[in-house]
Amino acid sequence: MFSEQIDWSEKNSIHKFQLSLLLGLLLACSSSTVNFRKQFGA
């Protein structure tokens, strides 16, 4: 049971890591589109 708990927390941390990566990509994309609009006055 204890080993299952460790395995679950490991999977959870991997999940959080993937989520943070996705959020970072979304933020980078949104900020770049804003900069693009500012440059071309759209």
N, C-alpha and C. Protein backbone atom coordinates (compact mmCIF):
# COMPACT_ATOMS: atom_id res chain seq x y z
N MET A 1 0.83 -1.20 0.00
CA MET A 1 0.00 0.00 0.00
C MET A 1 0.87 1.26 0.00
N PHE A 2 1.95 1.20 0.77
CA PHE A 2 2.83 2.37 0.85
C PHE A 2 3.52 2.61 -0.50
N SER A 3 3.92 1.50 -1.15
CA SER A 3 4.58 1.64 -2.45
C SER A 3 3.61 2.22 -3.49
N GLU A 4 2.33 1.85 -3.38
CA GLU A 4 1.34 2.40 -4.30
C GLU A 4 1.21 3.91 -4.11
N GLN A 5 1.27 4.34 -2.86
CA GLN A 5 1.16 5.76 -2.56
C GLN A 5 2.33 6.53 -3.19
N ILE A 6 3.54 5.97 -3.09
CA ILE A 6 4.72 6.61 -3.67
C ILE A 6 4.56 6.68 -5.19
N ASP A 7 4.11 5.57 -5.78
CA ASP A 7 3.93 5.52 -7.23
C ASP A 7 2.91 6.56 -7.67
N TRP A 8 1.82 6.70 -6.89
CA TRP A 8 0.77 7.67 -7.22
C TRP A 8 1.31 9.09 -7.16
N SER A 9 2.09 9.40 -6.13
CA SER A 9 2.64 10.75 -5.99
C SER A 9 3.63 11.03 -7.12
N GLU A 10 4.35 10.00 -7.56
CA GLU A 10 5.27 10.16 -8.68
C GLU A 10 4.51 10.52 -9.94
N LYS A 11 3.43 9.78 -10.21
CA LYS A 11 2.61 10.06 -11.38
C LYS A 11 2.00 11.46 -11.28
N ASN A 12 1.59 11.84 -10.07
CA ASN A 12 0.98 13.15 -9.86
C ASN A 12 1.97 14.26 -10.16
N SER A 13 3.22 14.10 -9.73
CA SER A 13 4.23 15.13 -9.97
C SER A 13 4.53 15.23 -11.47
N ILE A 14 4.56 14.09 -12.16
CA ILE A 14 4.76 14.09 -13.61
C ILE A 14 3.61 14.83 -14.29
N HIS A 15 2.39 14.57 -13.81
CA HIS A 15 1.21 15.23 -14.35
C HIS A 15 1.30 16.74 -14.17
N LYS A 16 1.70 17.16 -12.97
CA LYS A 16 1.84 18.59 -12.68
C LYS A 16 2.91 19.21 -13.58
N PHE A 17 4.00 18.47 -13.81
CA PHE A 17 5.08 18.96 -14.67
C PHE A 17 4.57 19.18 -16.09
N GLN A 18 3.80 18.23 -16.61
CA GLN A 18 3.24 18.36 -17.95
C GLN A 18 2.28 19.53 -18.02
N LEU A 19 1.45 19.72 -16.99
CA LEU A 19 0.50 20.83 -16.95
C LEU A 19 1.23 22.16 -16.95
N SER A 20 2.29 22.28 -16.16
CA SER A 20 3.04 23.53 -16.10
C SER A 20 3.71 23.82 -17.44
N LEU A 21 4.18 22.77 -18.12
CA LEU A 21 4.77 22.94 -19.45
C LEU A 21 3.73 23.47 -20.43
N LEU A 22 2.53 22.88 -20.40
CA LEU A 22 1.46 23.31 -21.29
C LEU A 22 1.07 24.76 -21.01
N LEU A 23 0.96 25.11 -19.72
CA LEU A 23 0.62 26.48 -19.35
C LEU A 23 1.69 27.45 -19.83
N GLY A 24 2.95 27.08 -19.69
CA GLY A 24 4.04 27.92 -20.15
C GLY A 24 3.98 28.14 -21.66
N LEU A 25 3.68 27.08 -22.40
CA LEU A 25 3.55 27.20 -23.86
C LEU A 25 2.40 28.11 -24.23
N LEU A 26 1.27 27.97 -23.55
CA LEU A 26 0.11 28.83 -23.82
C LEU A 26 0.43 30.29 -23.54
N LEU A 27 1.10 30.55 -22.41
CA LEU A 27 1.47 31.92 -22.07
C LEU A 27 2.43 32.50 -23.10
N ALA A 28 3.40 31.71 -23.53
CA ALA A 28 4.36 32.18 -24.53
C ALA A 28 3.66 32.49 -25.85
N CYS A 29 2.75 31.63 -26.26
CA CYS A 29 2.01 31.84 -27.51
C CYS A 29 1.16 33.09 -27.43
N SER A 30 0.45 33.28 -26.34
CA SER A 30 -0.44 34.44 -26.20
C SER A 30 0.36 35.73 -26.17
N SER A 31 1.49 35.74 -25.47
CA SER A 31 2.31 36.96 -25.39
C SER A 31 2.92 37.27 -26.74
N SER A 32 3.33 36.25 -27.50
CA SER A 32 3.92 36.48 -28.82
C SER A 32 2.88 37.03 -29.79
N THR A 33 1.63 36.56 -29.69
CA THR A 33 0.58 37.07 -30.58
C THR A 33 0.27 38.52 -30.24
N VAL A 34 0.31 38.87 -28.96
CA VAL A 34 0.09 40.26 -28.54
C VAL A 34 1.20 41.15 -29.09
N ASN A 35 2.44 40.70 -29.00
CA ASN A 35 3.57 41.47 -29.54
C ASN A 35 3.43 41.60 -31.05
N PHE A 36 3.00 40.55 -31.71
CA PHE A 36 2.81 40.56 -33.16
C PHE A 36 1.77 41.61 -33.55
N ARG A 37 0.67 41.67 -32.81
CA ARG A 37 -0.38 42.65 -33.09
C ARG A 37 0.11 44.07 -32.86
N LYS A 38 0.91 44.27 -31.81
CA LYS A 38 1.44 45.59 -31.51
C LYS A 38 2.38 46.05 -32.63
N GLN A 39 3.20 45.16 -33.14
CA GLN A 39 4.17 45.51 -34.17
C GLN A 39 3.47 45.93 -35.46
N PHE A 40 2.43 45.21 -35.83
CA PHE A 40 1.77 45.47 -37.11
C PHE A 40 0.48 46.28 -36.97
N GLY A 41 0.20 46.75 -35.75
CA GLY A 41 -0.94 47.63 -35.54
C GLY A 41 -2.27 46.99 -35.87
N ALA A 42 -2.39 45.67 -35.65
CA ALA A 42 -3.65 44.98 -35.96
C ALA A 42 -4.62 45.08 -34.80
